Amino acid sequence: MIYVLDTHVLIWYFIGSKRLKRKLKEKIEEVRNAGGRLLVPTIVLAEALAIAEKGKVKFDFQDM
Protein backbone atom coordinates (compact mmCIF):
# COMPACT_ATOMS: atom_id res chain seq x y z
CA MET A 1 0.00 0.00 0.00
CA ILE A 2 1.13 3.57 -0.70
CA TYR A 3 0.59 6.38 1.81
CA VAL A 4 0.81 10.06 0.87
CA LEU A 5 2.19 12.39 3.54
CA ASP A 6 1.24 16.04 3.88
CA THR A 7 3.50 18.83 5.10
CA HIS A 8 2.45 18.77 8.74
CA VAL A 9 2.69 15.01 9.06
CA LEU A 10 6.11 14.94 7.40
CA ILE A 11 7.57 17.62 9.65
CA TRP A 12 5.89 16.42 12.83
CA TYR A 13 7.13 12.88 12.23
CA PHE A 14 10.76 13.86 11.66
CA ILE A 15 10.96 16.35 14.54
CA GLY A 16 9.15 13.99 16.92
CA SER A 17 6.30 16.40 17.61
CA LYS A 18 3.59 15.47 20.09
CA ARG A 19 1.10 16.92 17.59
CA LEU A 20 1.40 13.77 15.49
CA LYS A 21 -1.18 11.27 16.67
CA ARG A 22 0.32 8.11 18.12
CA LYS A 23 -1.70 5.90 15.79
CA LEU A 24 -0.44 7.76 12.71
CA LYS A 25 3.17 7.61 13.92
CA GLU A 26 2.81 3.87 14.44
CA LYS A 27 1.35 3.46 10.93
CA ILE A 28 4.24 5.39 9.35
CA GLU A 29 6.76 3.26 11.25
CA GLU A 30 4.91 0.08 10.28
CA VAL A 31 5.01 1.04 6.60
CA ARG A 32 8.71 2.01 6.76
CA ASN A 33 9.67 -1.22 8.56
CA ALA A 34 7.67 -3.38 6.17
CA GLY A 35 9.30 -1.84 3.12
CA GLY A 36 6.09 -0.07 2.16
CA ARG A 37 5.89 3.19 0.28
CA LEU A 38 5.49 6.66 1.72
CA LEU A 39 4.88 9.20 -1.02
CA VAL A 40 5.94 12.80 -0.39
CA PRO A 41 4.68 15.17 -3.09
CA THR A 42 7.14 17.74 -4.41
CA ILE A 43 5.01 20.61 -3.09
CA VAL A 44 5.21 19.10 0.41
CA LEU A 45 9.00 19.10 0.22
CA ALA A 46 8.96 22.71 -0.99
CA GLU A 47 6.64 23.75 1.85
CA ALA A 48 8.77 21.91 4.44
CA LEU A 49 11.90 23.60 3.11
CA ALA A 50 10.23 27.04 3.26
CA ILE A 51 9.14 26.42 6.85
CA ALA A 52 12.65 25.28 7.81
CA GLU A 53 14.27 28.27 6.10
CA LYS A 54 12.04 30.65 8.06
CA GLY A 55 13.37 29.04 11.23
CA LYS A 56 9.96 27.88 12.40
CA VAL A 57 11.24 24.34 12.92
CA LYS A 58 14.61 22.68 12.92
CA PHE A 59 14.23 20.14 10.17
CA ASP A 60 17.13 18.39 8.50
CA PHE A 61 16.36 17.01 5.05
CA GLN A 62 19.23 14.56 5.52
CA ASP A 63 16.97 12.71 7.99
CA MET A 64 14.69 11.72 5.16
PDB file of N, CA and C in Angstrom:
ATOM      1  N   MET A   1       0.837  -1.174   0.000  1.00  0.00           N
ATOM      2  CA  MET A   1       0.000   0.000   0.000  1.00  0.00           C
ATOM      3  C   MET A   1       0.887   1.244   0.000  1.00  0.00           C
ATOM      4  N   ILE A   2       0.407   2.300  -0.621  1.00  0.00           N
ATOM      5  CA  ILE A   2       1.128   3.567  -0.699  1.00  0.00           C
ATOM      6  C   ILE A   2       0.389   4.599   0.158  1.00  0.00           C
ATOM      7  N   TYR A   3       1.149   5.315   0.982  1.00  0.00           N
ATOM      8  CA  TYR A   3       0.592   6.378   1.812  1.00  0.00           C
ATOM      9  C   TYR A   3       1.197   7.704   1.380  1.00  0.00           C
ATOM     10  N   VAL A   4       0.360   8.724   1.267  1.00  0.00           N
ATOM     11  CA  VAL A   4       0.807  10.057   0.870  1.00  0.00           C
ATOM     12  C   VAL A   4       0.860  10.929   2.127  1.00  0.00           C
ATOM     13  N   LEU A   5       2.021  11.548   2.356  1.00  0.00           N
ATOM     14  CA  LEU A   5       2.191  12.391   3.537  1.00  0.00           C
ATOM     15  C   LEU A   5       1.984  13.857   3.177  1.00  0.00           C
ATOM     16  N   ASP A   6       1.352  14.598   4.088  1.00  0.00           N
ATOM     17  CA  ASP A   6       1.236  16.038   3.876  1.00  0.00           C
ATOM     18  C   ASP A   6       2.340  16.747   4.659  1.00  0.00           C
ATOM     19  N   THR A   7       2.407  18.052   4.514  1.00  0.00           N
ATOM     20  CA  THR A   7       3.501  18.831   5.099  1.00  0.00           C
ATOM     21  C   THR A   7       3.570  18.684   6.611  1.00  0.00           C
ATOM     22  N   HIS A   8       2.442  18.850   7.281  1.00  0.00           N
ATOM     23  CA  HIS A   8       2.454  18.770   8.740  1.00  0.00           C
ATOM     24  C   HIS A   8       2.894  17.398   9.222  1.00  0.00           C
ATOM     25  N   VAL A   9       2.339  16.368   8.640  1.00  0.00           N
ATOM     26  CA  VAL A   9       2.686  15.010   9.056  1.00  0.00           C
ATOM     27  C   VAL A   9       4.170  14.747   8.837  1.00  0.00           C
ATOM     28  N   LEU A  10       4.691  15.139   7.699  1.00  0.00           N
ATOM     29  CA  LEU A  10       6.108  14.936   7.397  1.00  0.00           C
ATOM     30  C   LEU A  10       6.994  15.610   8.443  1.00  0.00           C
ATOM     31  N   ILE A  11       6.747  16.882   8.688  1.00  0.00           N
ATOM     32  CA  ILE A  11       7.569  17.620   9.651  1.00  0.00           C
ATOM     33  C   ILE A  11       7.374  17.081  11.060  1.00  0.00           C
ATOM     34  N   TRP A  12       6.146  16.904  11.476  1.00  0.00           N
ATOM     35  CA  TRP A  12       5.887  16.421  12.829  1.00  0.00           C
ATOM     36  C   TRP A  12       6.540  15.066  13.065  1.00  0.00           C
ATOM     37  N   TYR A  13       6.510  14.201  12.071  1.00  0.00           N
ATOM     38  CA  TYR A  13       7.131  12.883  12.231  1.00  0.00           C
ATOM     39  C   TYR A  13       8.640  13.010  12.441  1.00  0.00           C
ATOM     40  N   PHE A  14       9.302  13.784  11.596  1.00  0.00           N
ATOM     41  CA  PHE A  14      10.758  13.863  11.656  1.00  0.00           C
ATOM     42  C   PHE A  14      11.290  14.701  12.812  1.00  0.00           C
ATOM     43  N   ILE A  15      10.482  15.603  13.376  1.00  0.00           N
ATOM     44  CA  ILE A  15      10.955  16.353  14.540  1.00  0.00           C
ATOM     45  C   ILE A  15      10.454  15.732  15.842  1.00  0.00           C
ATOM     46  N   GLY A  16       9.649  14.672  15.729  1.00  0.00           N
ATOM     47  CA  GLY A  16       9.155  13.990  16.923  1.00  0.00           C
ATOM     48  C   GLY A  16       8.116  14.796  17.694  1.00  0.00           C
ATOM     49  N   SER A  17       7.301  15.545  16.975  1.00  0.00           N
ATOM     50  CA  SER A  17       6.298  16.402  17.607  1.00  0.00           C
ATOM     51  C   SER A  17       5.182  15.585  18.254  1.00  0.00           C
ATOM     52  N   LYS A  18       4.721  16.086  19.393  1.00  0.00           N
ATOM     53  CA  LYS A  18       3.586  15.468  20.092  1.00  0.00           C
ATOM     54  C   LYS A  18       2.276  15.715  19.335  1.00  0.00           C
ATOM     55  N   ARG A  19       2.303  16.635  18.380  1.00  0.00           N
ATOM     56  CA  ARG A  19       1.098  16.921  17.589  1.00  0.00           C
ATOM     57  C   ARG A  19       0.709  15.749  16.697  1.00  0.00           C
ATOM     58  N   LEU A  20       1.681  14.923  16.340  1.00  0.00           N
ATOM     59  CA  LEU A  20       1.398  13.767  15.489  1.00  0.00           C
ATOM     60  C   LEU A  20       0.735  12.686  16.338  1.00  0.00           C
ATOM     61  N   LYS A  21      -0.436  12.299  15.932  1.00  0.00           N
ATOM     62  CA  LYS A  21      -1.177  11.274  16.674  1.00  0.00           C
ATOM     63  C   LYS A  21      -0.372   9.977  16.739  1.00  0.00           C
ATOM     64  N   ARG A  22      -0.434   9.341  17.891  1.00  0.00           N
ATOM     65  CA  ARG A  22       0.318   8.106  18.118  1.00  0.00           C
ATOM     66  C   ARG A  22      -0.010   7.052  17.064  1.00  0.00           C
ATOM     67  N   LYS A  23      -1.277   6.913  16.754  1.00  0.00           N
ATOM     68  CA  LYS A  23      -1.704   5.900  15.790  1.00  0.00           C
ATOM     69  C   LYS A  23      -1.100   6.155  14.402  1.00  0.00           C
ATOM     70  N   LEU A  24      -1.024   7.418  14.011  1.00  0.00           N
ATOM     71  CA  LEU A  24      -0.445   7.763  12.714  1.00  0.00           C
ATOM     72  C   LEU A  24       1.062   7.511  12.716  1.00  0.00           C
ATOM     73  N   LYS A  25       1.729   7.872  13.808  1.00  0.00           N
ATOM     74  CA  LYS A  25       3.166   7.614  13.923  1.00  0.00           C
ATOM     75  C   LYS A  25       3.447   6.113  13.814  1.00  0.00           C
ATOM     76  N   GLU A  26       2.643   5.325  14.492  1.00  0.00           N
ATOM     77  CA  GLU A  26       2.811   3.871  14.435  1.00  0.00           C
ATOM     78  C   GLU A  26       2.593   3.346  13.017  1.00  0.00           C
ATOM     79  N   LYS A  27       1.623   3.897  12.304  1.00  0.00           N
ATOM     80  CA  LYS A  27       1.345   3.458  10.934  1.00  0.00           C
ATOM     81  C   LYS A  27       2.519   3.790  10.023  1.00  0.00           C
ATOM     82  N   ILE A  28       3.078   4.998  10.163  1.00  0.00           N
ATOM     83  CA  ILE A  28       4.238   5.387   9.355  1.00  0.00           C
ATOM     84  C   ILE A  28       5.403   4.442   9.629  1.00  0.00           C
ATOM     85  N   GLU A  29       5.663   4.157  10.893  1.00  0.00           N
ATOM     86  CA  GLU A  29       6.762   3.256  11.248  1.00  0.00           C
ATOM     87  C   GLU A  29       6.513   1.843  10.729  1.00  0.00           C
ATOM     88  N   GLU A  30       5.265   1.403  10.801  1.00  0.00           N
ATOM     89  CA  GLU A  30       4.907   0.077  10.284  1.00  0.00           C
ATOM     90  C   GLU A  30       5.195  -0.010   8.784  1.00  0.00           C
ATOM     91  N   VAL A  31       4.789   1.018   8.052  1.00  0.00           N
ATOM     92  CA  VAL A  31       5.008   1.040   6.602  1.00  0.00           C
ATOM     93  C   VAL A  31       6.504   1.069   6.293  1.00  0.00           C
ATOM     94  N   ARG A  32       7.254   1.914   6.990  1.00  0.00           N
ATOM     95  CA  ARG A  32       8.706   2.007   6.758  1.00  0.00           C
ATOM     96  C   ARG A  32       9.397   0.672   7.061  1.00  0.00           C
ATOM     97  N   ASN A  33       9.026   0.040   8.164  1.00  0.00           N
ATOM     98  CA  ASN A  33       9.665  -1.218   8.562  1.00  0.00           C
ATOM     99  C   ASN A  33       9.301  -2.380   7.647  1.00  0.00           C
ATOM    100  N   ALA A  34       8.129  -2.306   7.044  1.00  0.00           N
ATOM    101  CA  ALA A  34       7.666  -3.385   6.173  1.00  0.00           C
ATOM    102  C   ALA A  34       8.108  -3.179   4.728  1.00  0.00           C
ATOM    103  N   GLY A  35       8.858  -2.112   4.481  1.00  0.00           N
ATOM    104  CA  GLY A  35       9.298  -1.843   3.116  1.00  0.00           C
ATOM    105  C   GLY A  35       8.202  -1.261   2.248  1.00  0.00           C
ATOM    106  N   GLY A  36       7.180  -0.696   2.907  1.00  0.00           N
ATOM    107  CA  GLY A  36       6.087  -0.074   2.164  1.00  0.00           C
ATOM    108  C   GLY A  36       6.521   1.254   1.568  1.00  0.00           C
ATOM    109  N   ARG A  37       5.572   1.940   0.967  1.00  0.00           N
ATOM    110  CA  ARG A  37       5.887   3.194   0.282  1.00  0.00           C
ATOM    111  C   ARG A  37       5.197   4.370   0.953  1.00  0.00           C
ATOM    112  N   LEU A  38       5.999   5.381   1.230  1.00  0.00           N
ATOM    113  CA  LEU A  38       5.492   6.656   1.716  1.00  0.00           C
ATOM    114  C   LEU A  38       5.772   7.677   0.622  1.00  0.00           C
ATOM    115  N   LEU A  39       4.738   8.239   0.072  1.00  0.00           N
ATOM    116  CA  LEU A  39       4.877   9.196  -1.016  1.00  0.00           C
ATOM    117  C   LEU A  39       4.859  10.614  -0.447  1.00  0.00           C
ATOM    118  N   VAL A  40       5.865  11.399  -0.821  1.00  0.00           N
ATOM    119  CA  VAL A  40       5.945  12.798  -0.394  1.00  0.00           C
ATOM    120  C   VAL A  40       5.908  13.655  -1.656  1.00  0.00           C
ATOM    121  N   PRO A  41       4.778  14.326  -1.900  1.00  0.00           N
ATOM    122  CA  PRO A  41       4.679  15.168  -3.090  1.00  0.00           C
ATOM    123  C   PRO A  41       5.736  16.277  -3.088  1.00  0.00           C
ATOM    124  N   THR A  42       6.134  16.691  -4.265  1.00  0.00           N
ATOM    125  CA  THR A  42       7.141  17.739  -4.410  1.00  0.00           C
ATOM    126  C   THR A  42       6.736  19.008  -3.680  1.00  0.00           C
ATOM    127  N   ILE A  43       5.468  19.387  -3.750  1.00  0.00           N
ATOM    128  CA  ILE A  43       5.013  20.610  -3.085  1.00  0.00           C
ATOM    129  C   ILE A  43       5.179  20.499  -1.575  1.00  0.00           C
ATOM    130  N   VAL A  44       5.016  19.304  -1.027  1.00  0.00           N
ATOM    131  CA  VAL A  44       5.206  19.099   0.412  1.00  0.00           C
ATOM    132  C   VAL A  44       6.666  19.336   0.781  1.00  0.00           C
ATOM    133  N   LEU A  45       7.579  18.845  -0.036  1.00  0.00           N
ATOM    134  CA  LEU A  45       9.004  19.098   0.215  1.00  0.00           C
ATOM    135  C   LEU A  45       9.310  20.590   0.143  1.00  0.00           C
ATOM    136  N   ALA A  46       8.733  21.268  -0.846  1.00  0.00           N
ATOM    137  CA  ALA A  46       8.955  22.708  -0.987  1.00  0.00           C
ATOM    138  C   ALA A  46       8.410  23.468   0.221  1.00  0.00           C
ATOM    139  N   GLU A  47       7.229  23.096   0.683  1.00  0.00           N
ATOM    140  CA  GLU A  47       6.644  23.751   1.853  1.00  0.00           C
ATOM    141  C   GLU A  47       7.480  23.490   3.103  1.00  0.00           C
ATOM    142  N   ALA A  48       7.941  22.257   3.277  1.00  0.00           N
ATOM    143  CA  ALA A  48       8.770  21.913   4.436  1.00  0.00           C
ATOM    144  C   ALA A  48      10.073  22.696   4.412  1.00  0.00           C
ATOM    145  N   LEU A  49      10.664  22.834   3.245  1.00  0.00           N
ATOM    146  CA  LEU A  49      11.900  23.604   3.108  1.00  0.00           C
ATOM    147  C   LEU A  49      11.657  25.075   3.451  1.00  0.00           C
ATOM    148  N   ALA A  50      10.560  25.638   2.967  1.00  0.00           N
ATOM    149  CA  ALA A  50      10.233  27.039   3.259  1.00  0.00           C
ATOM    150  C   ALA A  50      10.034  27.254   4.758  1.00  0.00           C
ATOM    151  N   ILE A  51       9.365  26.329   5.409  1.00  0.00           N
ATOM    152  CA  ILE A  51       9.142  26.423   6.855  1.00  0.00           C
ATOM    153  C   ILE A  51      10.474  26.342   7.598  1.00  0.00           C
ATOM    154  N   ALA A  52      11.331  25.433   7.177  1.00  0.00           N
ATOM    155  CA  ALA A  52      12.646  25.284   7.814  1.00  0.00           C
ATOM    156  C   ALA A  52      13.504  26.524   7.599  1.00  0.00           C
ATOM    157  N   GLU A  53      13.468  27.084   6.399  1.00  0.00           N
ATOM    158  CA  GLU A  53      14.270  28.273   6.099  1.00  0.00           C
ATOM    159  C   GLU A  53      13.821  29.488   6.904  1.00  0.00           C
ATOM    160  N   LYS A  54      12.542  29.544   7.242  1.00  0.00           N
ATOM    161  CA  LYS A  54      12.035  30.646   8.063  1.00  0.00           C
ATOM    162  C   LYS A  54      12.411  30.461   9.531  1.00  0.00           C
ATOM    163  N   GLY A  55      12.962  29.304   9.862  1.00  0.00           N
ATOM    164  CA  GLY A  55      13.375  29.037  11.234  1.00  0.00           C
ATOM    165  C   GLY A  55      12.242  28.630  12.158  1.00  0.00           C
ATOM    166  N   LYS A  56      11.104  28.269  11.575  1.00  0.00           N
ATOM    167  CA  LYS A  56       9.956  27.879  12.395  1.00  0.00           C
ATOM    168  C   LYS A  56      10.158  26.509  13.037  1.00  0.00           C
ATOM    169  N   VAL A  57      10.893  25.656  12.368  1.00  0.00           N
ATOM    170  CA  VAL A  57      11.240  24.343  12.922  1.00  0.00           C
ATOM    171  C   VAL A  57      12.665  24.009  12.506  1.00  0.00           C
ATOM    172  N   LYS A  58      13.299  23.175  13.300  1.00  0.00           N
ATOM    173  CA  LYS A  58      14.614  22.676  12.918  1.00  0.00           C
ATOM    174  C   LYS A  58      14.371  21.331  12.248  1.00  0.00           C
ATOM    175  N   PHE A  59      14.566  21.320  10.964  1.00  0.00           N
ATOM    176  CA  PHE A  59      14.230  20.144  10.166  1.00  0.00           C
ATOM    177  C   PHE A  59      15.372  19.883   9.209  1.00  0.00           C
ATOM    178  N   ASP A  60      15.979  18.731   9.326  1.00  0.00           N
ATOM    179  CA  ASP A  60      17.129  18.388   8.496  1.00  0.00           C
ATOM    180  C   ASP A  60      16.681  17.423   7.400  1.00  0.00           C
ATOM    181  N   PHE A  61      16.784  17.855   6.169  1.00  0.00           N
ATOM    182  CA  PHE A  61      16.356  17.012   5.053  1.00  0.00           C
ATOM    183  C   PHE A  61      17.224  15.767   4.913  1.00  0.00           C
ATOM    184  N   GLN A  62      18.385  15.750   5.532  1.00  0.00           N
ATOM    185  CA  GLN A  62      19.234  14.555   5.515  1.00  0.00           C
ATOM    186  C   GLN A  62      18.558  13.407   6.262  1.00  0.00           C
ATOM    187  N   ASP A  63      17.667  13.733   7.215  1.00  0.00           N
ATOM    188  CA  ASP A  63      16.967  12.711   7.992  1.00  0.00           C
ATOM    189  C   ASP A  63      16.043  11.864   7.133  1.00  0.00           C
ATOM    190  N   MET A  64      15.623  12.431   6.020  1.00  0.00           N
ATOM    191  CA  MET A  64      14.690  11.719   5.163  1.00  0.00           C
ATOM    192  C   MET A  64      15.419  10.684   4.363  1.00  0.00           C
TER     193      MET A  64
END
